[in-house]
Amino acid sequence: MAPDPRPLAGVTVIDLTRVLAGPFCTLVLANLGARVIKVERPGSGDDARSIGPFVGGKSLYFSSLNYGKESIALDLRADGDREIFDALITRADVLVENFRPGVMERLGYGWETIRERWPGLIYAATSGFGHTGPLRERPAFDMVVQAMGGC
C-alpha cells in the first residue's frame, strides 16, 4: 500500500474542542491527513451530539464535523484519566482546545504547563472573544456573534 500523500500524514492531533469552530479546525487537519483523537466528556460527549437533525439516533451536525476522527471519553479531573491524557499528549504533535479562558489552567494543562512538560507540542487555542479582552468570559456561539454584529 502506498504511503498517505496528504501533507499532514503522520501528524497526531489531540482534539479538546466542541460544538463548531474547534471541531471544524480539527476536521480540516484530519482531511489533510492528520490522525485526530477527539477527547470528549464521559457520559455526554461533545455538546454537538445533542444538536439535530438526527438519523438513526445520531446527530448529523456532530457527524459532519467529526468524521474521520478517533474518539475517547476522559474526565480530565480524574487522576486515572489524566494519566491516559498525558500519555496521549506525549505522543502527539498538536493540541487544539476551545474552552473558555482559564479552563485549561484549572485543569492543569495551561500553556505554561504544556510548554514546560511538552516543549515540542504545538498548542492551538480558539475563543470567540479572545483570552484577554473585556468580553473574554462570554460564550460565542454563532447566533451571539451575529446578533452582536447586527446581522
N, C-alpha and C. Protein backbone atom coordinates (compact mmCIF):
# COMPACT_ATOMS: atom_id res chain seq x y z
N MET A 1 0.84 -1.18 0.00
CA MET A 1 0.00 0.00 0.00
C MET A 1 0.89 1.25 0.00
N ALA A 2 0.52 2.21 -0.82
CA ALA A 2 1.30 3.46 -0.93
C ALA A 2 1.11 4.30 0.33
N PRO A 3 2.15 5.04 0.73
CA PRO A 3 2.00 5.92 1.90
C PRO A 3 0.98 7.03 1.62
N ASP A 4 0.39 7.52 2.67
CA ASP A 4 -0.60 8.60 2.57
C ASP A 4 0.10 9.85 2.03
N PRO A 5 -0.33 10.37 0.89
CA PRO A 5 0.35 11.53 0.31
C PRO A 5 -0.10 12.88 0.87
N ARG A 6 -1.09 12.86 1.75
CA ARG A 6 -1.60 14.13 2.26
C ARG A 6 -0.55 14.82 3.13
N PRO A 7 -0.54 16.14 3.16
CA PRO A 7 0.55 16.89 3.81
C PRO A 7 0.69 16.68 5.31
N LEU A 8 -0.38 16.31 6.03
CA LEU A 8 -0.27 16.12 7.48
C LEU A 8 -0.24 14.64 7.89
N ALA A 9 -0.03 13.75 6.92
CA ALA A 9 0.10 12.33 7.24
C ALA A 9 1.24 12.15 8.24
N GLY A 10 0.99 11.41 9.30
CA GLY A 10 2.00 11.19 10.33
C GLY A 10 1.92 12.16 11.49
N VAL A 11 1.08 13.19 11.39
CA VAL A 11 0.90 14.16 12.47
C VAL A 11 -0.26 13.70 13.35
N THR A 12 -0.07 13.75 14.66
CA THR A 12 -1.14 13.38 15.60
C THR A 12 -1.63 14.62 16.32
N VAL A 13 -2.97 14.78 16.32
CA VAL A 13 -3.62 15.94 16.93
C VAL A 13 -4.53 15.46 18.05
N ILE A 14 -4.39 16.07 19.22
CA ILE A 14 -5.32 15.82 20.32
C ILE A 14 -6.35 16.94 20.27
N ASP A 15 -7.62 16.55 20.17
CA ASP A 15 -8.71 17.48 19.94
C ASP A 15 -9.57 17.60 21.20
N LEU A 16 -9.47 18.73 21.88
CA LEU A 16 -10.29 19.01 23.06
C LEU A 16 -11.41 19.99 22.72
N THR A 17 -11.82 20.02 21.47
CA THR A 17 -12.78 21.02 21.04
C THR A 17 -14.20 20.49 21.03
N ARG A 18 -15.15 21.45 20.95
CA ARG A 18 -16.55 21.06 20.91
C ARG A 18 -17.36 22.09 20.15
N VAL A 19 -18.51 21.69 19.71
CA VAL A 19 -19.54 22.45 19.01
C VAL A 19 -19.13 22.78 17.56
N LEU A 20 -18.48 23.92 17.25
CA LEU A 20 -18.28 24.25 15.84
C LEU A 20 -16.86 24.68 15.47
N ALA A 21 -16.39 25.80 15.98
CA ALA A 21 -15.11 26.35 15.49
C ALA A 21 -13.96 25.37 15.67
N GLY A 22 -13.82 24.82 16.86
CA GLY A 22 -12.73 23.88 17.11
C GLY A 22 -12.87 22.59 16.32
N PRO A 23 -14.05 21.93 16.36
CA PRO A 23 -14.20 20.71 15.57
C PRO A 23 -14.00 20.93 14.07
N PHE A 24 -14.39 22.10 13.55
CA PHE A 24 -14.15 22.37 12.13
C PHE A 24 -12.64 22.46 11.87
N CYS A 25 -11.92 23.13 12.76
CA CYS A 25 -10.46 23.24 12.64
C CYS A 25 -9.82 21.85 12.58
N THR A 26 -10.19 20.99 13.52
CA THR A 26 -9.56 19.66 13.56
C THR A 26 -10.05 18.77 12.43
N LEU A 27 -11.26 19.03 11.91
CA LEU A 27 -11.74 18.30 10.73
C LEU A 27 -10.84 18.62 9.54
N VAL A 28 -10.49 19.88 9.37
CA VAL A 28 -9.60 20.26 8.28
C VAL A 28 -8.25 19.55 8.44
N LEU A 29 -7.74 19.50 9.66
CA LEU A 29 -6.47 18.81 9.90
C LEU A 29 -6.58 17.32 9.56
N ALA A 30 -7.71 16.70 9.94
CA ALA A 30 -7.93 15.29 9.62
C ALA A 30 -8.01 15.08 8.11
N ASN A 31 -8.71 15.98 7.42
CA ASN A 31 -8.82 15.86 5.96
C ASN A 31 -7.47 16.04 5.28
N LEU A 32 -6.56 16.75 5.92
CA LEU A 32 -5.21 16.92 5.39
C LEU A 32 -4.28 15.79 5.79
N GLY A 33 -4.83 14.76 6.47
CA GLY A 33 -4.06 13.56 6.76
C GLY A 33 -3.68 13.34 8.20
N ALA A 34 -3.93 14.29 9.09
CA ALA A 34 -3.56 14.12 10.50
C ALA A 34 -4.43 13.05 11.16
N ARG A 35 -3.86 12.36 12.10
CA ARG A 35 -4.62 11.48 12.97
C ARG A 35 -5.17 12.37 14.08
N VAL A 36 -6.49 12.48 14.18
CA VAL A 36 -7.11 13.34 15.17
C VAL A 36 -7.80 12.48 16.20
N ILE A 37 -7.42 12.67 17.47
CA ILE A 37 -8.03 11.94 18.59
C ILE A 37 -8.85 12.95 19.38
N LYS A 38 -10.16 12.81 19.28
CA LYS A 38 -11.09 13.73 19.95
C LYS A 38 -11.33 13.23 21.37
N VAL A 39 -11.10 14.10 22.35
CA VAL A 39 -11.32 13.78 23.76
C VAL A 39 -12.65 14.41 24.17
N GLU A 40 -13.58 13.56 24.62
CA GLU A 40 -14.91 14.04 24.99
C GLU A 40 -15.20 13.73 26.44
N ARG A 41 -16.21 14.43 26.97
CA ARG A 41 -16.64 14.19 28.35
C ARG A 41 -17.33 12.84 28.46
N PRO A 42 -17.01 12.08 29.50
CA PRO A 42 -17.73 10.82 29.70
C PRO A 42 -19.22 11.09 29.91
N GLY A 43 -20.03 10.24 29.33
CA GLY A 43 -21.47 10.34 29.51
C GLY A 43 -22.18 11.14 28.45
N SER A 44 -21.72 12.38 28.22
CA SER A 44 -22.44 13.25 27.27
C SER A 44 -21.64 13.56 26.01
N GLY A 45 -20.34 13.52 26.08
CA GLY A 45 -19.52 13.83 24.92
C GLY A 45 -19.60 15.29 24.53
N ASP A 46 -19.31 15.56 23.28
CA ASP A 46 -19.38 16.90 22.71
C ASP A 46 -20.83 17.37 22.74
N ASP A 47 -21.05 18.65 23.09
CA ASP A 47 -22.40 19.21 23.10
C ASP A 47 -23.11 19.03 21.76
N ALA A 48 -22.35 19.00 20.67
CA ALA A 48 -22.94 18.89 19.33
C ALA A 48 -23.66 17.55 19.13
N ARG A 49 -23.38 16.56 19.95
CA ARG A 49 -24.07 15.27 19.83
C ARG A 49 -25.57 15.42 20.09
N SER A 50 -25.97 16.49 20.76
CA SER A 50 -27.39 16.69 21.08
C SER A 50 -28.09 17.65 20.13
N ILE A 51 -27.39 18.08 19.08
CA ILE A 51 -27.97 19.02 18.11
C ILE A 51 -28.44 18.25 16.88
N GLY A 52 -29.70 18.44 16.51
CA GLY A 52 -30.28 17.77 15.35
C GLY A 52 -29.88 18.47 14.06
N PRO A 53 -30.27 17.87 12.95
CA PRO A 53 -31.17 16.73 12.82
C PRO A 53 -30.48 15.42 13.18
N PHE A 54 -31.30 14.42 13.46
CA PHE A 54 -30.81 13.10 13.85
C PHE A 54 -31.22 12.06 12.83
N VAL A 55 -30.33 11.14 12.55
CA VAL A 55 -30.62 9.99 11.71
C VAL A 55 -30.13 8.77 12.45
N GLY A 56 -31.04 7.83 12.67
CA GLY A 56 -30.66 6.63 13.42
C GLY A 56 -30.19 6.95 14.82
N GLY A 57 -30.72 8.01 15.40
CA GLY A 57 -30.35 8.40 16.75
C GLY A 57 -29.03 9.15 16.86
N LYS A 58 -28.39 9.43 15.73
CA LYS A 58 -27.11 10.13 15.75
C LYS A 58 -27.25 11.51 15.10
N SER A 59 -26.55 12.48 15.68
CA SER A 59 -26.59 13.86 15.19
C SER A 59 -25.81 13.99 13.89
N LEU A 60 -26.50 14.45 12.85
CA LEU A 60 -25.81 14.73 11.59
C LEU A 60 -24.88 15.92 11.74
N TYR A 61 -25.28 16.87 12.59
CA TYR A 61 -24.43 18.04 12.85
C TYR A 61 -23.08 17.58 13.42
N PHE A 62 -23.13 16.75 14.47
CA PHE A 62 -21.91 16.23 15.07
C PHE A 62 -21.11 15.44 14.04
N SER A 63 -21.79 14.56 13.33
CA SER A 63 -21.11 13.70 12.36
C SER A 63 -20.42 14.51 11.26
N SER A 64 -21.06 15.61 10.83
CA SER A 64 -20.48 16.41 9.75
C SER A 64 -19.19 17.11 10.16
N LEU A 65 -18.98 17.29 11.46
CA LEU A 65 -17.77 17.97 11.94
C LEU A 65 -16.72 17.03 12.52
N ASN A 66 -17.08 15.75 12.67
CA ASN A 66 -16.16 14.86 13.37
C ASN A 66 -15.87 13.55 12.67
N TYR A 67 -16.25 13.44 11.39
CA TYR A 67 -15.94 12.20 10.68
C TYR A 67 -14.43 12.08 10.50
N GLY A 68 -13.95 10.88 10.45
CA GLY A 68 -12.52 10.66 10.24
C GLY A 68 -11.67 10.84 11.47
N LYS A 69 -12.30 11.09 12.62
CA LYS A 69 -11.55 11.27 13.87
C LYS A 69 -11.75 10.05 14.76
N GLU A 70 -10.78 9.80 15.60
CA GLU A 70 -10.94 8.80 16.65
C GLU A 70 -11.51 9.53 17.87
N SER A 71 -12.08 8.78 18.81
CA SER A 71 -12.69 9.43 19.97
C SER A 71 -12.43 8.63 21.23
N ILE A 72 -12.25 9.35 22.32
CA ILE A 72 -12.08 8.73 23.64
C ILE A 72 -12.77 9.63 24.66
N ALA A 73 -13.40 9.02 25.64
CA ALA A 73 -14.05 9.79 26.71
C ALA A 73 -13.12 9.81 27.93
N LEU A 74 -12.75 11.01 28.36
CA LEU A 74 -11.87 11.18 29.52
C LEU A 74 -12.36 12.33 30.38
N ASP A 75 -12.31 12.13 31.69
CA ASP A 75 -12.59 13.20 32.65
C ASP A 75 -11.24 13.74 33.10
N LEU A 76 -10.87 14.90 32.64
CA LEU A 76 -9.54 15.44 32.93
C LEU A 76 -9.37 15.89 34.38
N ARG A 77 -10.41 15.71 35.19
CA ARG A 77 -10.28 15.97 36.63
C ARG A 77 -10.00 14.69 37.40
N ALA A 78 -10.08 13.54 36.73
CA ALA A 78 -9.85 12.24 37.38
C ALA A 78 -8.41 11.78 37.12
N ASP A 79 -7.70 11.39 38.18
CA ASP A 79 -6.29 11.03 38.07
C ASP A 79 -6.02 9.96 37.01
N GLY A 80 -6.80 8.90 37.00
CA GLY A 80 -6.58 7.83 36.03
C GLY A 80 -6.74 8.31 34.59
N ASP A 81 -7.75 9.13 34.36
CA ASP A 81 -7.97 9.67 33.02
C ASP A 81 -6.88 10.66 32.64
N ARG A 82 -6.38 11.40 33.62
CA ARG A 82 -5.28 12.35 33.35
C ARG A 82 -4.03 11.59 32.92
N GLU A 83 -3.79 10.42 33.49
CA GLU A 83 -2.63 9.61 33.09
C GLU A 83 -2.76 9.20 31.62
N ILE A 84 -3.96 8.80 31.23
CA ILE A 84 -4.20 8.42 29.83
C ILE A 84 -4.00 9.64 28.93
N PHE A 85 -4.55 10.77 29.35
CA PHE A 85 -4.41 12.00 28.57
C PHE A 85 -2.94 12.40 28.43
N ASP A 86 -2.19 12.32 29.52
CA ASP A 86 -0.77 12.64 29.47
C ASP A 86 -0.03 11.74 28.48
N ALA A 87 -0.39 10.46 28.45
CA ALA A 87 0.23 9.52 27.50
C ALA A 87 -0.13 9.91 26.07
N LEU A 88 -1.36 10.35 25.84
CA LEU A 88 -1.75 10.80 24.50
C LEU A 88 -0.95 12.02 24.08
N ILE A 89 -0.84 12.99 24.99
CA ILE A 89 -0.10 14.22 24.66
C ILE A 89 1.37 13.91 24.39
N THR A 90 1.93 12.99 25.14
CA THR A 90 3.34 12.64 24.97
C THR A 90 3.62 12.17 23.55
N ARG A 91 2.65 11.52 22.92
CA ARG A 91 2.84 11.01 21.55
C ARG A 91 2.27 11.95 20.48
N ALA A 92 1.71 13.08 20.89
CA ALA A 92 1.06 13.98 19.94
C ALA A 92 2.00 15.08 19.43
N ASP A 93 1.57 15.67 18.34
CA ASP A 93 2.29 16.80 17.76
C ASP A 93 1.56 18.12 18.01
N VAL A 94 0.22 18.05 18.14
CA VAL A 94 -0.61 19.25 18.24
C VAL A 94 -1.71 19.01 19.27
N LEU A 95 -2.02 20.03 20.06
CA LEU A 95 -3.16 20.03 20.97
C LEU A 95 -4.04 21.21 20.58
N VAL A 96 -5.33 20.95 20.32
CA VAL A 96 -6.26 22.01 19.95
C VAL A 96 -7.38 22.04 21.00
N GLU A 97 -7.67 23.23 21.54
CA GLU A 97 -8.74 23.38 22.53
C GLU A 97 -9.52 24.66 22.26
N ASN A 98 -10.78 24.65 22.68
CA ASN A 98 -11.59 25.87 22.55
C ASN A 98 -12.44 26.09 23.80
N PHE A 99 -11.84 25.84 24.94
CA PHE A 99 -12.51 26.12 26.21
C PHE A 99 -12.53 27.63 26.46
N ARG A 100 -13.37 28.03 27.39
CA ARG A 100 -13.33 29.43 27.82
C ARG A 100 -11.98 29.69 28.48
N PRO A 101 -11.54 30.94 28.47
CA PRO A 101 -10.26 31.28 29.09
C PRO A 101 -10.20 30.80 30.54
N GLY A 102 -9.07 30.22 30.92
CA GLY A 102 -8.85 29.77 32.28
C GLY A 102 -9.15 28.31 32.54
N VAL A 103 -9.94 27.67 31.68
CA VAL A 103 -10.32 26.28 31.91
C VAL A 103 -9.10 25.36 31.84
N MET A 104 -8.27 25.53 30.83
CA MET A 104 -7.09 24.67 30.71
C MET A 104 -6.16 24.85 31.90
N GLU A 105 -6.02 26.08 32.39
CA GLU A 105 -5.18 26.32 33.58
C GLU A 105 -5.77 25.59 34.79
N ARG A 106 -7.08 25.67 34.98
CA ARG A 106 -7.71 24.98 36.11
C ARG A 106 -7.55 23.47 36.03
N LEU A 107 -7.51 22.94 34.81
CA LEU A 107 -7.31 21.51 34.62
C LEU A 107 -5.84 21.11 34.77
N GLY A 108 -4.94 22.09 34.82
CA GLY A 108 -3.52 21.80 34.93
C GLY A 108 -2.83 21.64 33.59
N TYR A 109 -3.48 22.11 32.52
CA TYR A 109 -2.92 21.99 31.18
C TYR A 109 -2.85 23.33 30.44
N GLY A 110 -2.65 24.39 31.17
CA GLY A 110 -2.50 25.70 30.54
C GLY A 110 -1.22 25.76 29.73
N TRP A 111 -1.08 26.85 28.95
CA TRP A 111 0.06 27.00 28.07
C TRP A 111 1.40 26.86 28.80
N GLU A 112 1.55 27.49 29.94
CA GLU A 112 2.83 27.42 30.66
C GLU A 112 3.19 25.98 31.03
N THR A 113 2.21 25.23 31.50
CA THR A 113 2.44 23.82 31.87
C THR A 113 2.75 22.99 30.64
N ILE A 114 1.97 23.18 29.58
CA ILE A 114 2.18 22.43 28.34
C ILE A 114 3.58 22.70 27.79
N ARG A 115 3.96 23.97 27.74
CA ARG A 115 5.28 24.35 27.20
C ARG A 115 6.41 23.72 28.00
N GLU A 116 6.24 23.67 29.33
CA GLU A 116 7.29 23.11 30.18
C GLU A 116 7.37 21.58 30.05
N ARG A 117 6.22 20.92 30.09
CA ARG A 117 6.20 19.45 30.07
C ARG A 117 6.38 18.85 28.68
N TRP A 118 5.84 19.51 27.66
CA TRP A 118 5.90 19.00 26.29
C TRP A 118 6.35 20.13 25.37
N PRO A 119 7.63 20.50 25.41
CA PRO A 119 8.09 21.68 24.68
C PRO A 119 7.93 21.60 23.17
N GLY A 120 7.83 20.43 22.60
CA GLY A 120 7.68 20.31 21.15
C GLY A 120 6.24 20.32 20.68
N LEU A 121 5.30 20.35 21.59
CA LEU A 121 3.89 20.29 21.25
C LEU A 121 3.38 21.64 20.76
N ILE A 122 2.67 21.64 19.66
CA ILE A 122 2.02 22.86 19.17
C ILE A 122 0.69 22.98 19.91
N TYR A 123 0.45 24.14 20.52
CA TYR A 123 -0.76 24.39 21.31
C TYR A 123 -1.60 25.42 20.57
N ALA A 124 -2.80 25.02 20.16
CA ALA A 124 -3.69 25.93 19.45
C ALA A 124 -4.96 26.11 20.28
N ALA A 125 -5.28 27.36 20.56
CA ALA A 125 -6.47 27.69 21.34
C ALA A 125 -7.32 28.69 20.57
N THR A 126 -8.62 28.45 20.55
CA THR A 126 -9.52 29.40 19.91
C THR A 126 -10.60 29.79 20.89
N SER A 127 -11.04 31.02 20.78
CA SER A 127 -12.05 31.54 21.68
C SER A 127 -12.82 32.61 20.93
N GLY A 128 -14.12 32.65 21.09
CA GLY A 128 -14.95 33.60 20.36
C GLY A 128 -14.57 35.04 20.60
N PHE A 129 -14.20 35.39 21.83
CA PHE A 129 -13.88 36.77 22.16
C PHE A 129 -12.45 36.94 22.64
N GLY A 130 -11.60 35.95 22.39
CA GLY A 130 -10.21 36.04 22.79
C GLY A 130 -10.00 35.64 24.24
N HIS A 131 -8.76 35.62 24.66
CA HIS A 131 -8.41 35.22 26.02
C HIS A 131 -8.07 36.37 26.94
N THR A 132 -8.03 37.60 26.40
CA THR A 132 -7.61 38.71 27.24
C THR A 132 -8.55 39.91 27.24
N GLY A 133 -9.46 40.02 26.32
CA GLY A 133 -10.29 41.21 26.21
C GLY A 133 -11.41 41.29 27.21
N PRO A 134 -12.16 42.38 27.20
CA PRO A 134 -13.23 42.59 28.18
C PRO A 134 -14.41 41.62 28.02
N LEU A 135 -14.56 41.01 26.86
CA LEU A 135 -15.66 40.06 26.64
C LEU A 135 -15.20 38.60 26.72
N ARG A 136 -13.99 38.39 27.20
CA ARG A 136 -13.38 37.07 27.18
C ARG A 136 -14.19 35.97 27.85
N GLU A 137 -14.99 36.29 28.84
CA GLU A 137 -15.77 35.28 29.56
C GLU A 137 -17.08 34.92 28.87
N ARG A 138 -17.45 35.66 27.84
CA ARG A 138 -18.73 35.41 27.17
C ARG A 138 -18.64 34.21 26.25
N PRO A 139 -19.71 33.42 26.20
CA PRO A 139 -19.75 32.36 25.19
C PRO A 139 -19.95 33.00 23.83
N ALA A 140 -19.50 32.35 22.79
CA ALA A 140 -19.56 32.97 21.47
C ALA A 140 -20.11 32.02 20.42
N PHE A 141 -21.31 31.53 20.63
CA PHE A 141 -21.94 30.73 19.60
C PHE A 141 -22.28 31.64 18.42
N ASP A 142 -22.44 31.07 17.26
CA ASP A 142 -22.66 31.82 16.03
C ASP A 142 -23.79 32.84 16.16
N MET A 143 -24.90 32.45 16.76
CA MET A 143 -26.04 33.37 16.86
C MET A 143 -25.70 34.59 17.72
N VAL A 144 -24.87 34.40 18.74
CA VAL A 144 -24.47 35.52 19.58
C VAL A 144 -23.64 36.50 18.77
N VAL A 145 -22.70 35.98 18.02
CA VAL A 145 -21.83 36.85 17.23
C VAL A 145 -22.64 37.57 16.15
N GLN A 146 -23.58 36.87 15.51
CA GLN A 146 -24.42 37.52 14.51
C GLN A 146 -25.25 38.64 15.13
N ALA A 147 -25.82 38.37 16.30
CA ALA A 147 -26.64 39.39 16.96
C ALA A 147 -25.80 40.62 17.33
N MET A 148 -24.59 40.38 17.83
CA MET A 148 -23.72 41.50 18.20
C MET A 148 -23.26 42.28 16.99
N GLY A 149 -23.17 41.61 15.85
CA GLY A 149 -22.75 42.27 14.63
C GLY A 149 -23.88 42.89 13.84
N GLY A 150 -25.11 42.70 14.31
CA GLY A 150 -26.26 43.29 13.65
C GLY A 150 -26.72 42.55 12.41
N CYS A 151 -26.36 41.29 12.30
CA CYS A 151 -26.78 40.51 11.11
C CYS A 151 -28.22 40.07 11.20
